[in-house]
Amino acid sequence: MPLRRPWLVAAVAALAACSKPAGQPAAEPGAATPMAATPAAGAEGTWRATLPAADSPGRVIELVLFAGGKAQMVTDFQKGSPVLEDGSWLARDDGTIAVSLGRPDVQPTLLVFRRAGTTLELQDPVAAGYGSEGLRLERQ
């Protein structure tokens, strides 16, 4: 005999898939749900540094980490147009913050920062093109 209500079979199967396997205890009311550690929780926001530059009064670097994982960096040499780079960021399990930034005409660059309080410090700044002085951004 053919089934006349195939939606009923699908609904029962979906509900069965959502139930706990037999033998697992139910969570106590009010018990906290375990969450994954977020070593860089609260890193969202604006971070800024002012660095010396050979051919200008200096450069202002502003990194914005958005809550959804989007990132944006503006480098302003204080003459001409600032350089805008867009990309994404994520908090790694080792406590660092990885930021991938690029422009339409340039291959994306990966910058890895370590957070210490209100400071983000670039790891391996020489390889990233920031020289031995490094890059230390302060929360704004």
Protein backbone atom coordinates (compact mmCIF):
# COMPACT_ATOMS: atom_id res chain seq x y z
CA MET A 1 0.00 0.00 0.00
CA PRO A 2 1.61 3.33 -1.01
CA LEU A 3 2.13 6.05 1.59
CA ARG A 4 -0.35 8.87 1.28
CA ARG A 5 1.46 11.21 3.69
CA PRO A 6 5.21 11.22 2.85
CA TRP A 7 5.62 14.49 4.78
CA LEU A 8 4.64 12.66 7.98
CA VAL A 9 7.44 10.13 7.50
CA ALA A 10 9.93 12.95 6.86
CA ALA A 11 8.77 14.84 9.97
CA VAL A 12 9.11 11.76 12.21
CA ALA A 13 12.59 11.06 10.81
CA ALA A 14 13.67 14.66 11.43
CA LEU A 15 12.42 14.59 15.03
CA ALA A 16 14.13 11.27 15.69
CA ALA A 17 17.43 12.68 14.44
CA CYS A 18 17.19 15.55 16.95
CA SER A 19 16.71 13.40 20.05
CA LYS A 20 19.52 12.36 22.43
CA PRO A 21 20.84 8.82 22.06
CA ALA A 22 19.53 6.38 24.67
CA GLY A 23 21.53 6.20 27.87
CA GLN A 24 22.74 9.83 27.88
CA PRO A 25 21.67 11.83 30.92
CA ALA A 26 19.61 14.95 30.38
CA ALA A 27 21.21 18.27 31.33
CA GLU A 28 20.14 19.68 34.67
CA PRO A 29 17.95 22.76 34.47
CA GLY A 30 20.08 25.91 34.76
CA ALA A 31 23.34 24.05 34.03
CA ALA A 32 25.87 25.96 31.91
CA THR A 33 26.40 24.77 28.38
CA PRO A 34 30.10 24.13 27.73
CA MET A 35 31.59 26.53 25.19
CA ALA A 36 34.80 26.46 23.20
CA ALA A 37 37.55 28.71 24.52
CA THR A 38 37.94 32.01 22.70
CA PRO A 39 41.47 33.16 23.51
CA ALA A 40 41.03 36.49 21.73
CA ALA A 41 37.52 37.22 22.93
CA GLY A 42 36.94 40.94 22.90
CA ALA A 43 39.52 41.66 20.18
CA GLU A 44 36.85 43.34 18.06
CA GLY A 45 37.32 47.08 17.73
CA THR A 46 39.76 49.69 16.49
CA TRP A 47 43.54 49.40 17.00
CA ARG A 48 45.99 52.17 16.01
CA ALA A 49 49.72 52.91 15.77
CA THR A 50 51.85 55.81 14.56
CA LEU A 51 55.16 54.81 12.98
CA PRO A 52 58.05 56.78 11.49
CA ALA A 53 58.35 56.91 7.70
CA ALA A 54 61.37 57.89 5.60
CA ASP A 55 59.57 60.14 3.13
CA SER A 56 56.67 61.57 5.16
CA PRO A 57 55.90 62.96 8.62
CA GLY A 58 55.01 59.41 9.67
CA ARG A 59 52.37 56.83 9.00
CA VAL A 60 49.21 56.17 10.94
CA ILE A 61 48.00 52.59 10.81
CA GLU A 62 44.47 51.76 11.88
CA LEU A 63 43.18 48.19 12.05
CA VAL A 64 39.48 47.55 12.60
CA LEU A 65 38.39 44.04 13.60
CA PHE A 66 34.65 43.63 13.11
CA ALA A 67 32.55 41.18 15.15
CA GLY A 68 31.59 39.12 12.08
CA GLY A 69 35.21 38.31 11.20
CA LYS A 70 35.74 41.12 8.70
CA ALA A 71 38.93 43.21 8.97
CA GLN A 72 40.01 46.51 7.48
CA MET A 73 43.38 48.29 7.67
CA VAL A 74 44.05 51.88 6.65
CA THR A 75 47.65 53.07 6.31
CA ASP A 76 47.93 56.85 6.06
CA PHE A 77 51.36 58.28 5.18
CA GLN A 78 49.88 61.74 5.89
CA LYS A 79 50.35 62.83 2.29
CA GLY A 80 48.33 61.62 -0.64
CA SER A 81 45.58 59.04 -0.39
CA PRO A 82 45.61 56.46 2.42
CA VAL A 83 46.01 52.79 1.52
CA LEU A 84 42.92 50.70 2.29
CA GLU A 85 43.11 46.92 2.71
CA ASP A 86 40.16 44.62 3.35
CA GLY A 87 40.07 41.06 4.58
CA SER A 88 39.18 38.84 7.48
CA TRP A 89 40.43 37.83 10.92
CA LEU A 90 40.09 34.97 13.37
CA ALA A 91 41.19 34.06 16.87
CA ARG A 92 43.48 31.01 16.90
CA ASP A 93 43.65 28.33 19.57
CA ASP A 94 47.20 29.43 20.50
CA GLY A 95 45.93 32.87 21.55
CA THR A 96 47.11 34.73 18.47
CA ILE A 97 44.95 36.70 16.07
CA ALA A 98 45.41 35.98 12.36
CA VAL A 99 44.49 38.81 9.99
CA SER A 100 44.43 38.35 6.20
CA LEU A 101 44.43 41.65 4.30
CA GLY A 102 44.67 42.62 0.66
CA ARG A 103 43.77 45.01 -2.12
CA PRO A 104 42.36 44.19 -5.55
CA ASP A 105 45.81 44.62 -7.16
CA VAL A 106 47.89 42.86 -4.45
CA GLN A 107 48.06 39.30 -3.13
CA PRO A 108 46.60 39.05 0.42
CA THR A 109 49.05 39.22 3.32
CA LEU A 110 48.73 37.23 6.55
CA LEU A 111 49.57 39.16 9.72
CA VAL A 112 49.68 37.35 13.06
CA PHE A 113 49.27 39.37 16.25
CA ARG A 114 49.61 38.49 19.90
CA ARG A 115 47.33 40.38 22.27
CA ALA A 116 48.59 41.72 25.60
CA GLY A 117 45.92 43.78 27.34
CA THR A 118 45.23 46.83 25.20
CA THR A 119 48.01 46.05 22.70
CA LEU A 120 48.24 43.90 19.58
CA GLU A 121 51.86 43.10 18.70
CA LEU A 122 52.74 41.82 15.23
CA GLN A 123 54.66 38.56 15.29
CA ASP A 124 57.60 38.35 12.84
CA PRO A 125 57.36 42.02 11.76
CA VAL A 126 60.45 41.91 9.52
CA ALA A 127 58.94 39.19 7.32
CA ALA A 128 55.66 41.16 7.23
CA GLY A 129 57.48 44.28 5.95
CA TYR A 130 57.38 46.38 9.13
CA GLY A 131 61.11 46.22 9.91
CA SER A 132 62.88 45.54 13.19
CA GLU A 133 60.89 48.29 14.96
CA GLY A 134 57.82 46.09 14.57
CA LEU A 135 54.17 47.02 14.75
CA ARG A 136 52.39 47.52 18.05
CA LEU A 137 48.76 48.63 17.81
CA GLU A 138 46.91 50.18 20.76
CA ARG A 139 43.19 49.77 21.37
CA GLN A 140 41.23 52.96 20.71
